[in-house]
Amino acid sequence: MAEHTEPNRDTLAEEQVESGARHGAPQRPTADQARAAESATGDVDDDDVRTHYQDMAEKGARVKGEGQIP
């Protein structure tokens, strides 16, 4: 296990700066990324995705405790 350390003044100052930073995506998708995302939607069967999501949500709701494999 790593030895306990105390953060120095520079670390504390940087953490203070970062704590005020906005969170989320750093930028909007590029035109190429947007086109790729739009073209990929045709490869997805919405009904299959919906069914799989519902099955996994039900399976997860029945799990007792952490890490149980149903």
N, C-alpha and C. Protein backbone atom coordinates (compact mmCIF):
# COMPACT_ATOMS: atom_id res chain seq x y z
N MET A 1 0.85 -1.18 0.00
CA MET A 1 0.00 0.00 0.00
C MET A 1 0.89 1.24 0.00
N ALA A 2 0.46 2.24 -0.70
CA ALA A 2 1.24 3.47 -0.81
C ALA A 2 1.32 4.20 0.53
N GLU A 3 2.41 4.84 0.73
CA GLU A 3 2.62 5.61 1.95
C GLU A 3 1.71 6.84 1.93
N HIS A 4 1.17 7.22 3.07
CA HIS A 4 0.30 8.39 3.17
C HIS A 4 1.11 9.65 2.88
N THR A 5 0.57 10.50 2.04
CA THR A 5 1.24 11.76 1.70
C THR A 5 0.27 12.92 1.91
N GLU A 6 0.80 14.08 2.03
CA GLU A 6 0.01 15.30 2.14
C GLU A 6 0.19 16.09 0.85
N PRO A 7 -0.89 16.59 0.26
CA PRO A 7 -0.75 17.38 -0.96
C PRO A 7 -0.02 18.70 -0.68
N ASN A 8 0.81 19.10 -1.65
CA ASN A 8 1.53 20.36 -1.47
C ASN A 8 0.65 21.54 -1.90
N ARG A 9 1.16 22.74 -1.72
CA ARG A 9 0.40 23.95 -2.03
C ARG A 9 -0.02 24.02 -3.50
N ASP A 10 0.87 23.58 -4.40
CA ASP A 10 0.55 23.62 -5.84
C ASP A 10 -0.61 22.68 -6.17
N THR A 11 -0.59 21.50 -5.56
CA THR A 11 -1.67 20.54 -5.80
C THR A 11 -2.99 21.08 -5.28
N LEU A 12 -2.99 21.62 -4.10
CA LEU A 12 -4.22 22.18 -3.54
C LEU A 12 -4.76 23.32 -4.39
N ALA A 13 -3.86 24.16 -4.90
CA ALA A 13 -4.27 25.28 -5.74
C ALA A 13 -4.89 24.77 -7.04
N GLU A 14 -4.27 23.76 -7.65
CA GLU A 14 -4.80 23.20 -8.90
C GLU A 14 -6.15 22.53 -8.68
N GLU A 15 -6.31 21.82 -7.58
CA GLU A 15 -7.59 21.20 -7.27
C GLU A 15 -8.68 22.26 -7.09
N GLN A 16 -8.33 23.38 -6.51
CA GLN A 16 -9.30 24.47 -6.34
C GLN A 16 -9.74 25.01 -7.69
N VAL A 17 -8.78 25.17 -8.61
CA VAL A 17 -9.10 25.65 -9.96
C VAL A 17 -10.01 24.65 -10.66
N GLU A 18 -9.67 23.35 -10.60
CA GLU A 18 -10.44 22.32 -11.28
C GLU A 18 -11.85 22.18 -10.71
N SER A 19 -12.02 22.46 -9.44
CA SER A 19 -13.33 22.29 -8.82
C SER A 19 -14.36 23.25 -9.41
N GLY A 20 -13.91 24.33 -9.99
CA GLY A 20 -14.83 25.29 -10.59
C GLY A 20 -15.04 25.07 -12.08
N ALA A 21 -14.36 24.07 -12.64
CA ALA A 21 -14.46 23.83 -14.08
C ALA A 21 -15.81 23.23 -14.43
N ARG A 22 -16.29 23.56 -15.63
CA ARG A 22 -17.54 22.97 -16.12
C ARG A 22 -17.29 21.52 -16.46
N HIS A 23 -18.28 20.70 -16.24
CA HIS A 23 -18.17 19.28 -16.55
C HIS A 23 -19.02 18.96 -17.76
N GLY A 24 -18.68 17.89 -18.43
CA GLY A 24 -19.44 17.47 -19.60
C GLY A 24 -18.53 17.32 -20.79
N ALA A 25 -19.13 17.19 -21.94
CA ALA A 25 -18.36 17.01 -23.17
C ALA A 25 -17.53 18.26 -23.44
N PRO A 26 -16.27 18.06 -23.78
CA PRO A 26 -15.40 19.22 -23.97
C PRO A 26 -15.68 20.01 -25.25
N GLN A 27 -16.33 19.37 -26.22
CA GLN A 27 -16.59 20.07 -27.47
C GLN A 27 -17.76 19.41 -28.20
N ARG A 28 -18.28 20.11 -29.17
CA ARG A 28 -19.35 19.54 -29.99
C ARG A 28 -18.72 18.58 -30.99
N PRO A 29 -19.49 17.59 -31.47
CA PRO A 29 -18.93 16.65 -32.46
C PRO A 29 -18.57 17.38 -33.75
N THR A 30 -17.53 16.88 -34.39
CA THR A 30 -17.15 17.44 -35.69
C THR A 30 -18.18 17.01 -36.73
N ALA A 31 -18.12 17.61 -37.90
CA ALA A 31 -19.05 17.26 -38.97
C ALA A 31 -18.89 15.78 -39.35
N ASP A 32 -17.65 15.29 -39.40
CA ASP A 32 -17.41 13.88 -39.71
C ASP A 32 -18.01 12.96 -38.65
N GLN A 33 -17.85 13.33 -37.39
CA GLN A 33 -18.41 12.51 -36.30
C GLN A 33 -19.94 12.50 -36.36
N ALA A 34 -20.53 13.64 -36.65
CA ALA A 34 -21.99 13.72 -36.74
C ALA A 34 -22.50 12.86 -37.89
N ARG A 35 -21.83 12.92 -39.04
CA ARG A 35 -22.23 12.09 -40.19
C ARG A 35 -22.09 10.61 -39.86
N ALA A 36 -21.01 10.22 -39.20
CA ALA A 36 -20.80 8.82 -38.84
C ALA A 36 -21.88 8.34 -37.88
N ALA A 37 -22.25 9.17 -36.94
CA ALA A 37 -23.30 8.80 -35.99
C ALA A 37 -24.64 8.63 -36.69
N GLU A 38 -24.94 9.54 -37.59
CA GLU A 38 -26.21 9.46 -38.32
C GLU A 38 -26.25 8.22 -39.22
N SER A 39 -25.14 7.91 -39.87
CA SER A 39 -25.14 6.75 -40.77
C SER A 39 -25.20 5.45 -39.99
N ALA A 40 -24.72 5.42 -38.76
CA ALA A 40 -24.73 4.20 -37.95
C ALA A 40 -26.12 3.87 -37.44
N THR A 41 -27.01 4.84 -37.38
CA THR A 41 -28.34 4.57 -36.83
C THR A 41 -29.12 3.60 -37.70
N GLY A 42 -28.82 3.52 -38.97
CA GLY A 42 -29.50 2.58 -39.86
C GLY A 42 -29.12 1.14 -39.57
N ASP A 43 -27.98 0.91 -38.91
CA ASP A 43 -27.51 -0.44 -38.61
C ASP A 43 -28.12 -1.00 -37.33
N VAL A 44 -28.91 -0.22 -36.63
CA VAL A 44 -29.45 -0.62 -35.34
C VAL A 44 -30.94 -0.91 -35.45
N ASP A 45 -31.34 -2.08 -34.94
CA ASP A 45 -32.76 -2.43 -34.91
C ASP A 45 -33.31 -1.96 -33.57
N ASP A 46 -34.13 -0.91 -33.61
CA ASP A 46 -34.66 -0.32 -32.38
C ASP A 46 -35.43 -1.32 -31.53
N ASP A 47 -36.17 -2.22 -32.17
CA ASP A 47 -36.94 -3.21 -31.41
C ASP A 47 -36.02 -4.16 -30.64
N ASP A 48 -34.93 -4.58 -31.27
CA ASP A 48 -33.97 -5.45 -30.59
C ASP A 48 -33.33 -4.74 -29.41
N VAL A 49 -32.98 -3.48 -29.60
CA VAL A 49 -32.38 -2.70 -28.52
C VAL A 49 -33.36 -2.55 -27.37
N ARG A 50 -34.60 -2.21 -27.68
CA ARG A 50 -35.63 -2.04 -26.65
C ARG A 50 -35.84 -3.33 -25.86
N THR A 51 -35.95 -4.46 -26.57
CA THR A 51 -36.15 -5.75 -25.91
C THR A 51 -34.97 -6.10 -25.02
N HIS A 52 -33.77 -5.92 -25.53
CA HIS A 52 -32.58 -6.22 -24.74
C HIS A 52 -32.51 -5.33 -23.50
N TYR A 53 -32.80 -4.06 -23.64
CA TYR A 53 -32.78 -3.13 -22.50
C TYR A 53 -33.77 -3.58 -21.44
N GLN A 54 -34.98 -3.91 -21.86
CA GLN A 54 -36.02 -4.34 -20.91
C GLN A 54 -35.62 -5.64 -20.21
N ASP A 55 -35.05 -6.60 -20.97
CA ASP A 55 -34.60 -7.86 -20.37
C ASP A 55 -33.52 -7.62 -19.31
N MET A 56 -32.56 -6.77 -19.63
CA MET A 56 -31.47 -6.51 -18.69
C MET A 56 -31.96 -5.73 -17.47
N ALA A 57 -32.92 -4.82 -17.67
CA ALA A 57 -33.47 -4.07 -16.54
C ALA A 57 -34.21 -5.00 -15.59
N GLU A 58 -34.97 -5.94 -16.15
CA GLU A 58 -35.69 -6.91 -15.31
C GLU A 58 -34.71 -7.83 -14.59
N LYS A 59 -33.70 -8.29 -15.29
CA LYS A 59 -32.71 -9.16 -14.68
C LYS A 59 -31.99 -8.43 -13.56
N GLY A 60 -31.64 -7.18 -13.78
CA GLY A 60 -30.95 -6.39 -12.75
C GLY A 60 -31.84 -6.13 -11.54
N ALA A 61 -33.13 -5.99 -11.76
CA ALA A 61 -34.05 -5.73 -10.66
C ALA A 61 -34.18 -6.95 -9.74
N ARG A 62 -33.90 -8.14 -10.29
CA ARG A 62 -34.03 -9.36 -9.48
C ARG A 62 -32.73 -9.74 -8.77
N VAL A 63 -31.64 -9.08 -9.05
CA VAL A 63 -30.36 -9.41 -8.43
C VAL A 63 -30.39 -9.02 -6.97
N LYS A 64 -29.93 -9.95 -6.13
CA LYS A 64 -29.86 -9.69 -4.70
C LYS A 64 -28.41 -9.50 -4.32
N GLY A 65 -28.06 -8.35 -3.79
CA GLY A 65 -26.67 -8.08 -3.40
C GLY A 65 -25.84 -7.62 -4.58
N GLU A 66 -24.57 -7.38 -4.31
CA GLU A 66 -23.67 -6.90 -5.35
C GLU A 66 -22.93 -8.07 -5.99
N GLY A 67 -22.84 -8.06 -7.29
CA GLY A 67 -22.02 -9.03 -7.98
C GLY A 67 -22.66 -10.39 -8.20
N GLN A 68 -23.92 -10.55 -7.89
CA GLN A 68 -24.58 -11.83 -8.11
C GLN A 68 -24.78 -12.04 -9.59
N ILE A 69 -24.51 -13.25 -10.03
CA ILE A 69 -24.75 -13.59 -11.42
C ILE A 69 -26.04 -14.39 -11.46
N PRO A 70 -27.09 -13.84 -12.09
CA PRO A 70 -28.39 -14.52 -12.09
C PRO A 70 -28.36 -15.79 -12.93
